[in-house]
Amino acid sequence: MAKKLLILLGIILVLAGGFLAYRWSAAEDYTIFATCLTEKGVVMYGTDWCPHCQKQKKMFGGAFKNVLFVDCDKSPECDTVGVKAYPTWFVNGKLLDSGVQQLETLSKLSGCPLPP
């Protein structure tokens, strides 16, 4: 009985490790994309409490830390540039319509390639 339990536990640990490795690597795939957006002056305006902003951030996974994000609760910049709702992206000198943007859209507008 104890041997079966140890085998089951081992299988669970292997599966959990594989899942975590997949999730980590999938999030890291967007690091180059997110860095490119920032280098091109692309900005996401939003707040920490906004559910649409949270959804947008999750699309980047851990790579979102490389996106230039302005928290509109903390920065007057949002009022200055005319942000009315969240999230709002600034790309190529223009504010996009507010709402969650597909990564493909951000890629096309910015010229930053998505990972294969």
Protein backbone atom coordinates (compact mmCIF):
# COMPACT_ATOMS: atom_id res chain seq x y z
CA MET A 1 0.00 0.00 0.00
CA ALA A 2 2.76 2.46 0.93
CA LYS A 3 4.64 1.64 -2.28
CA LYS A 4 1.54 2.43 -4.39
CA LEU A 5 1.07 5.69 -2.52
CA LEU A 6 4.69 6.69 -3.17
CA ILE A 7 4.35 5.87 -6.87
CA LEU A 8 1.14 7.90 -7.09
CA LEU A 9 2.79 10.79 -5.29
CA GLY A 10 5.75 10.61 -7.67
CA ILE A 11 3.46 10.71 -10.70
CA ILE A 12 1.60 13.72 -9.29
CA LEU A 13 4.87 15.55 -8.65
CA VAL A 14 6.13 14.86 -12.17
CA LEU A 15 2.87 16.08 -13.70
CA ALA A 16 2.80 19.19 -11.51
CA GLY A 17 6.42 19.96 -12.36
CA GLY A 18 5.71 19.57 -16.06
CA PHE A 19 2.70 21.86 -15.82
CA LEU A 20 4.67 24.53 -13.95
CA ALA A 21 7.53 24.32 -16.43
CA TYR A 22 5.07 24.74 -19.31
CA ARG A 23 3.38 27.73 -17.67
CA TRP A 24 6.75 29.37 -16.92
CA SER A 25 8.09 28.87 -20.43
CA ALA A 26 4.83 30.03 -22.07
CA ALA A 27 4.93 33.28 -20.10
CA GLU A 28 8.58 33.81 -20.89
CA ASP A 29 7.90 33.47 -24.62
CA TYR A 30 6.39 36.98 -24.58
CA THR A 31 9.38 38.68 -22.97
CA ILE A 32 10.94 39.73 -26.28
CA PHE A 33 7.55 40.93 -27.55
CA ALA A 34 6.84 42.92 -24.37
CA THR A 35 10.33 44.45 -24.41
CA CYS A 36 9.91 45.43 -28.07
CA LEU A 37 6.62 47.19 -27.25
CA THR A 38 8.34 49.21 -24.54
CA GLU A 39 11.29 50.05 -26.78
CA LYS A 40 8.84 51.40 -29.37
CA GLY A 41 7.10 53.59 -26.79
CA VAL A 42 3.92 51.52 -26.54
CA VAL A 43 2.13 52.17 -23.24
CA MET A 44 -0.75 50.46 -21.48
CA TYR A 45 -2.82 52.80 -19.31
CA GLY A 46 -4.98 51.16 -16.66
CA THR A 47 -5.40 50.43 -12.97
CA ASP A 48 -4.67 47.54 -10.67
CA TRP A 49 -8.36 47.07 -9.76
CA CYS A 50 -9.68 46.99 -13.35
CA PRO A 51 -10.76 43.44 -14.33
CA HIS A 52 -10.14 44.13 -18.04
CA CYS A 53 -6.62 45.33 -17.20
CA GLN A 54 -6.02 42.16 -15.20
CA LYS A 55 -7.17 40.08 -18.18
CA GLN A 56 -4.84 42.03 -20.48
CA LYS A 57 -1.91 41.55 -18.12
CA LYS A 58 -2.54 37.79 -17.93
CA MET A 59 -2.26 37.55 -21.71
CA PHE A 60 1.42 38.47 -21.33
CA GLY A 61 1.99 36.18 -18.36
CA GLY A 62 5.14 36.95 -16.41
CA ALA A 63 6.44 39.03 -19.32
CA PHE A 64 4.03 41.85 -18.46
CA LYS A 65 6.73 43.24 -16.17
CA ASN A 66 8.47 44.32 -19.41
CA VAL A 67 5.45 46.31 -20.65
CA LEU A 68 5.36 50.03 -19.96
CA PHE A 69 2.31 50.31 -17.69
CA VAL A 70 0.96 53.56 -16.27
CA ASP A 71 -1.37 53.16 -13.28
CA CYS A 72 -4.02 55.83 -13.75
CA ASP A 73 -4.82 55.85 -10.02
CA LYS A 74 -1.28 57.06 -9.38
CA SER A 75 -0.38 59.15 -12.42
CA PRO A 76 -1.87 62.36 -13.82
CA GLU A 77 -0.45 61.31 -17.20
CA CYS A 78 -3.69 59.45 -17.96
CA ASP A 79 -5.71 62.67 -17.79
CA THR A 80 -3.06 64.53 -19.76
CA VAL A 81 -3.17 62.10 -22.72
CA GLY A 82 -6.97 61.72 -22.60
CA VAL A 83 -7.53 58.21 -21.22
CA LYS A 84 -11.25 57.73 -20.56
CA ALA A 85 -11.51 53.98 -19.80
CA TYR A 86 -9.23 51.04 -19.07
CA PRO A 87 -7.18 49.51 -20.44
CA THR A 88 -6.16 52.00 -23.11
CA TRP A 89 -3.09 51.41 -25.25
CA PHE A 90 -0.93 54.13 -26.77
CA VAL A 91 0.67 52.90 -30.01
CA ASN A 92 2.41 54.89 -32.75
CA GLY A 93 1.39 58.24 -31.28
CA LYS A 94 -2.31 57.33 -30.96
CA LEU A 95 -4.62 56.09 -28.24
CA LEU A 96 -6.46 52.93 -29.26
CA ASP A 97 -10.09 52.41 -28.35
CA SER A 98 -10.24 51.24 -24.75
CA GLY A 99 -10.62 47.57 -23.94
CA VAL A 100 -8.56 44.40 -24.00
CA GLN A 101 -6.44 44.28 -27.15
CA GLN A 102 -5.44 41.04 -28.81
CA LEU A 103 -1.68 40.51 -28.84
CA GLU A 104 -1.89 40.06 -32.62
CA THR A 105 -3.37 43.58 -32.89
CA LEU A 106 -0.60 45.08 -30.76
CA SER A 107 1.94 43.21 -32.87
CA LYS A 108 0.55 44.51 -36.19
CA LEU A 109 0.25 48.09 -34.97
CA SER A 110 3.67 48.22 -33.31
CA GLY A 111 5.69 46.08 -35.70
CA CYS A 112 6.85 43.91 -32.79
CA PRO A 113 6.80 40.24 -33.74
CA LEU A 114 4.99 37.70 -31.61
CA PRO A 115 6.86 34.55 -30.66
CA PRO A 116 6.38 31.58 -33.01
